[in-house]
């Protein structure tokens, strides 16, 4: 129905432009029919090629997306691994520094305690000697009173 209408429009257009009246059974219209058929076939072939091209682009896009995602995950994993290594190194360095400070503080405390113990021993020794001297003085005083 559409082809008949288009054919009628074509006959009117040829008559208007060229002043030639064509009938529907004119052999020149065979060329028009063939031309229309070739255009339709060509359009279908082009549409099929466009659909195939679209599928290929979608496939490539999906593959690129997967590749990009994989690369991004790889980069992220490498970054995380690097961060872990850096954190481990910082923690080890911090632990060593803390251990050195703690050891230094303990050594200082022990040295202070040794010093205080030595001083306490000296003071204790001096107190014992002073007590002995006082005892001897008291005994001497008692002894001198007994013999006098």
C-alpha atoms as a PDB file:
ATOM      1  CA  UNK A   1       0.000   0.000   0.000  1.00  0.00           C
ATOM      2  CA  UNK A   2       2.843   2.306   0.872  1.00  0.00           C
ATOM      3  CA  UNK A   3       4.715   1.446  -2.323  1.00  0.00           C
ATOM      4  CA  UNK A   4       1.587   2.202  -4.413  1.00  0.00           C
ATOM      5  CA  UNK A   5       1.171   5.566  -2.739  1.00  0.00           C
ATOM      6  CA  UNK A   6       4.881   6.389  -3.206  1.00  0.00           C
ATOM      7  CA  UNK A   7       4.644   5.296  -6.849  1.00  0.00           C
ATOM      8  CA  UNK A   8       1.609   7.567  -7.379  1.00  0.00           C
ATOM      9  CA  UNK A   9       3.497  10.479  -5.815  1.00  0.00           C
ATOM     10  CA  UNK A  10       6.459   9.793  -8.105  1.00  0.00           C
ATOM     11  CA  UNK A  11       4.246   9.761 -11.239  1.00  0.00           C
ATOM     12  CA  UNK A  12       2.721  13.117 -10.183  1.00  0.00           C
ATOM     13  CA  UNK A  13       6.164  14.605  -9.514  1.00  0.00           C
ATOM     14  CA  UNK A  14       7.520  13.499 -12.933  1.00  0.00           C
ATOM     15  CA  UNK A  15       4.432  14.937 -14.641  1.00  0.00           C
ATOM     16  CA  UNK A  16       4.767  18.247 -12.773  1.00  0.00           C
ATOM     17  CA  UNK A  17       8.527  18.684 -13.298  1.00  0.00           C
ATOM     18  CA  UNK A  18       9.022  17.193 -16.750  1.00  0.00           C
ATOM     19  CA  UNK A  19       5.560  17.404 -18.316  1.00  0.00           C
ATOM     20  CA  UNK A  20       5.580  13.685 -19.126  1.00  0.00           C
ATOM     21  CA  UNK A  21       2.672  11.476 -18.173  1.00  0.00           C
ATOM     22  CA  UNK A  22       3.620   7.969 -17.070  1.00  0.00           C
ATOM     23  CA  UNK A  23       1.305   5.055 -16.501  1.00  0.00           C
ATOM     24  CA  UNK A  24       1.712   2.555 -13.720  1.00  0.00           C
ATOM     25  CA  UNK A  25       2.790  -0.069 -16.258  1.00  0.00           C
ATOM     26  CA  UNK A  26       5.529   2.109 -17.800  1.00  0.00           C
ATOM     27  CA  UNK A  27       8.885   0.204 -18.023  1.00  0.00           C
ATOM     28  CA  UNK A  28      10.812   3.186 -16.611  1.00  0.00           C
ATOM     29  CA  UNK A  29       9.063   2.648 -13.277  1.00  0.00           C
ATOM     30  CA  UNK A  30      10.767  -0.775 -13.076  1.00  0.00           C
ATOM     31  CA  UNK A  31      14.000   1.128 -12.456  1.00  0.00           C
ATOM     32  CA  UNK A  32      12.317   3.075  -9.676  1.00  0.00           C
ATOM     33  CA  UNK A  33      11.073  -0.156  -8.106  1.00  0.00           C
ATOM     34  CA  UNK A  34      14.528  -1.720  -8.421  1.00  0.00           C
ATOM     35  CA  UNK A  35      16.131   1.396  -6.993  1.00  0.00           C
ATOM     36  CA  UNK A  36      13.742   1.376  -4.011  1.00  0.00           C
ATOM     37  CA  UNK A  37      14.384  -2.313  -3.447  1.00  0.00           C
ATOM     38  CA  UNK A  38      18.156  -1.803  -3.576  1.00  0.00           C
ATOM     39  CA  UNK A  39      17.862   1.109  -1.139  1.00  0.00           C
ATOM     40  CA  UNK A  40      15.811  -1.028   1.273  1.00  0.00           C
ATOM     41  CA  UNK A  41      18.236  -3.937   1.003  1.00  0.00           C
ATOM     42  CA  UNK A  42      21.166  -1.577   1.465  1.00  0.00           C
ATOM     43  CA  UNK A  43      19.454   0.004   4.479  1.00  0.00           C
ATOM     44  CA  UNK A  44      18.884  -3.433   6.047  1.00  0.00           C
ATOM     45  CA  UNK A  45      22.512  -4.420   5.385  1.00  0.00           C
ATOM     46  CA  UNK A  46      23.757  -1.154   6.886  1.00  0.00           C
ATOM     47  CA  UNK A  47      21.488  -1.613   9.905  1.00  0.00           C
ATOM     48  CA  UNK A  48      22.817  -5.149  10.368  1.00  0.00           C
ATOM     49  CA  UNK A  49      26.400  -3.831  10.140  1.00  0.00           C
ATOM     50  CA  UNK A  50      25.560  -1.039  12.628  1.00  0.00           C
ATOM     51  CA  UNK A  51      24.027  -3.580  15.026  1.00  0.00           C
ATOM     52  CA  UNK A  52      27.114  -5.791  14.715  1.00  0.00           C
ATOM     53  CA  UNK A  53      29.388  -2.763  15.220  1.00  0.00           C
ATOM     54  CA  UNK A  54      27.323  -1.763  18.277  1.00  0.00           C
ATOM     55  CA  UNK A  55      27.698  -5.268  19.736  1.00  0.00           C
ATOM     56  CA  UNK A  56      31.443  -5.174  19.110  1.00  0.00           C
ATOM     57  CA  UNK A  57      31.692  -1.759  20.781  1.00  0.00           C
ATOM     58  CA  UNK A  58      29.692  -3.023  23.759  1.00  0.00           C
ATOM     59  CA  UNK A  59      31.950  -6.074  23.993  1.00  0.00           C
ATOM     60  CA  UNK A  60      35.047  -3.884  23.816  1.00  0.00           C
ATOM     61  CA  UNK A  61      33.537  -1.506  26.374  1.00  0.00           C
ATOM     62  CA  UNK A  62      32.795  -4.377  28.750  1.00  0.00           C
ATOM     63  CA  UNK A  63      36.311  -5.746  28.279  1.00  0.00           C
ATOM     64  CA  UNK A  64      37.849  -2.296  28.842  1.00  0.00           C
ATOM     65  CA  UNK A  65      35.682  -1.858  31.907  1.00  0.00           C
ATOM     66  CA  UNK A  66      36.814  -5.222  33.261  1.00  0.00           C
ATOM     67  CA  UNK A  67      40.446  -4.434  32.428  1.00  0.00           C
ATOM     68  CA  UNK A  68      40.175  -1.027  34.050  1.00  0.00           C
ATOM     69  CA  UNK A  69      38.541  -2.512  37.119  1.00  0.00           C
ATOM     70  CA  UNK A  70      41.231  -5.195  37.334  1.00  0.00           C
ATOM     71  CA  UNK A  71      44.011  -2.628  36.963  1.00  0.00           C
ATOM     72  CA  UNK A  72      42.393  -0.352  39.536  1.00  0.00           C
ATOM     73  CA  UNK A  73      42.104  -3.271  41.967  1.00  0.00           C
ATOM     74  CA  UNK A  74      45.738  -4.176  41.315  1.00  0.00           C
ATOM     75  CA  UNK A  75      46.833  -0.592  41.944  1.00  0.00           C
ATOM     76  CA  UNK A  76      44.690  -0.432  45.069  1.00  0.00           C
ATOM     77  CA  UNK A  77      46.107  -3.712  46.355  1.00  0.00           C
ATOM     78  CA  UNK A  78      49.649  -2.524  45.669  1.00  0.00           C
ATOM     79  CA  UNK A  79      48.904   0.741  47.453  1.00  0.00           C
ATOM     80  CA  UNK A  80      47.465  -1.129  50.415  1.00  0.00           C
ATOM     81  CA  UNK A  81      50.477  -3.442  50.509  1.00  0.00           C
ATOM     82  CA  UNK A  82      52.831  -0.456  50.344  1.00  0.00           C
ATOM     83  CA  UNK A  83      50.877   1.221  53.125  1.00  0.00           C
ATOM     84  CA  UNK A  84      51.103  -1.916  55.251  1.00  0.00           C
ATOM     85  CA  UNK A  85      54.846  -2.135  54.672  1.00  0.00           C
ATOM     86  CA  UNK A  86      55.269   1.554  55.508  1.00  0.00           C
ATOM     87  CA  UNK A  87      53.128   1.192  58.639  1.00  0.00           C
ATOM     88  CA  UNK A  88      55.098  -1.885  59.711  1.00  0.00           C
ATOM     89  CA  UNK A  89      58.363  -0.016  59.222  1.00  0.00           C
ATOM     90  CA  UNK A  90      57.062   2.973  61.166  1.00  0.00           C
ATOM     91  CA  UNK A  91      55.768   0.722  63.937  1.00  0.00           C
ATOM     92  CA  UNK A  92      59.086  -1.109  64.129  1.00  0.00           C
ATOM     93  CA  UNK A  93      61.006   2.167  64.215  1.00  0.00           C
ATOM     94  CA  UNK A  94      58.619   3.515  66.860  1.00  0.00           C
ATOM     95  CA  UNK A  95      58.909   0.329  68.889  1.00  0.00           C
ATOM     96  CA  UNK A  96      62.705   0.453  68.719  1.00  0.00           C
ATOM     97  CA  UNK A  97      62.687   4.110  69.762  1.00  0.00           C
ATOM     98  CA  UNK A  98      60.283   3.373  72.614  1.00  0.00           C
ATOM     99  CA  UNK A  99      62.370   0.388  73.714  1.00  0.00           C
ATOM    100  CA  UNK A 100      65.543   2.494  73.665  1.00  0.00           C
ATOM    101  CA  UNK A 101      63.869   5.214  75.719  1.00  0.00           C
ATOM    102  CA  UNK A 102      62.423   2.679  78.150  1.00  0.00           C
ATOM    103  CA  UNK A 103      65.797   0.930  78.505  1.00  0.00           C
ATOM    104  CA  UNK A 104      67.469   4.274  79.038  1.00  0.00           C
ATOM    105  CA  UNK A 105      64.936   5.219  81.731  1.00  0.00           C
ATOM    106  CA  UNK A 106      65.302   1.842  83.449  1.00  0.00           C
ATOM    107  CA  UNK A 107      69.109   2.170  83.366  1.00  0.00           C
ATOM    108  CA  UNK A 108      68.882   5.666  84.848  1.00  0.00           C
ATOM    109  CA  UNK A 109      66.513   4.422  87.543  1.00  0.00           C
ATOM    110  CA  UNK A 110      68.769   1.462  88.351  1.00  0.00           C
ATOM    111  CA  UNK A 111      71.825   3.712  88.531  1.00  0.00           C
ATOM    112  CA  UNK A 112      69.959   6.065  90.865  1.00  0.00           C
ATOM    113  CA  UNK A 113      68.887   3.121  93.019  1.00  0.00           C
ATOM    114  CA  UNK A 114      72.482   1.816  93.182  1.00  0.00           C
ATOM    115  CA  UNK A 115      73.671   5.259  94.197  1.00  0.00           C
ATOM    116  CA  UNK A 116      70.973   5.520  96.861  1.00  0.00           C
ATOM    117  CA  UNK A 117      71.718   1.997  98.144  1.00  0.00           C
ATOM    118  CA  UNK A 118      75.447   2.789  98.390  1.00  0.00           C
ATOM    119  CA  UNK A 119      74.652   5.983 100.244  1.00  0.00           C
ATOM    120  CA  UNK A 120      72.277   4.106 102.524  1.00  0.00           C
ATOM    121  CA  UNK A 121      74.964   1.498 103.181  1.00  0.00           C
ATOM    122  CA  UNK A 122      77.489   4.252 104.010  1.00  0.00           C
ATOM    123  CA  UNK A 123      75.009   5.956 106.274  1.00  0.00           C
ATOM    124  CA  UNK A 124      74.174   2.613 107.892  1.00  0.00           C
ATOM    125  CA  UNK A 125      77.854   1.845 108.346  1.00  0.00           C
ATOM    126  CA  UNK A 126      78.449   5.291 109.843  1.00  0.00           C
ATOM    127  CA  UNK A 127      75.463   4.823 112.178  1.00  0.00           C
ATOM    128  CA  UNK A 128      76.819   1.454 113.330  1.00  0.00           C
ATOM    129  CA  UNK A 129      80.251   2.987 113.857  1.00  0.00           C
ATOM    130  CA  UNK A 130      78.706   5.909 115.733  1.00  0.00           C
ATOM    131  CA  UNK A 131      76.692   3.459 117.835  1.00  0.00           C
ATOM    132  CA  UNK A 132      79.830   1.454 118.572  1.00  0.00           C
ATOM    133  CA  UNK A 133      81.722   4.586 119.533  1.00  0.00           C
ATOM    134  CA  UNK A 134      78.811   5.641 121.726  1.00  0.00           C
ATOM    135  CA  UNK A 135      78.706   2.158 123.279  1.00  0.00           C
ATOM    136  CA  UNK A 136      82.447   2.213 123.931  1.00  0.00           C
ATOM    137  CA  UNK A 137      82.131   5.688 125.387  1.00  0.00           C
ATOM    138  CA  UNK A 138      79.310   4.545 127.646  1.00  0.00           C
ATOM    139  CA  UNK A 139      81.269   1.431 128.687  1.00  0.00           C
ATOM    140  CA  UNK A 140      84.338   3.519 129.303  1.00  0.00           C
ATOM    141  CA  UNK A 141      82.291   5.907 131.374  1.00  0.00           C
ATOM    142  CA  UNK A 142      80.715   3.074 133.351  1.00  0.00           C
ATOM    143  CA  UNK A 143      84.077   1.363 133.737  1.00  0.00           C
ATOM    144  CA  UNK A 144      85.710   4.534 134.962  1.00  0.00           C
ATOM    145  CA  UNK A 145      83.006   5.013 137.566  1.00  0.00           C
ATOM    146  CA  UNK A 146      83.239   1.467 138.734  1.00  0.00           C
ATOM    147  CA  UNK A 147      87.019   1.680 139.262  1.00  0.00           C
ATOM    148  CA  UNK A 148      86.961   5.102 140.868  1.00  0.00           C
END
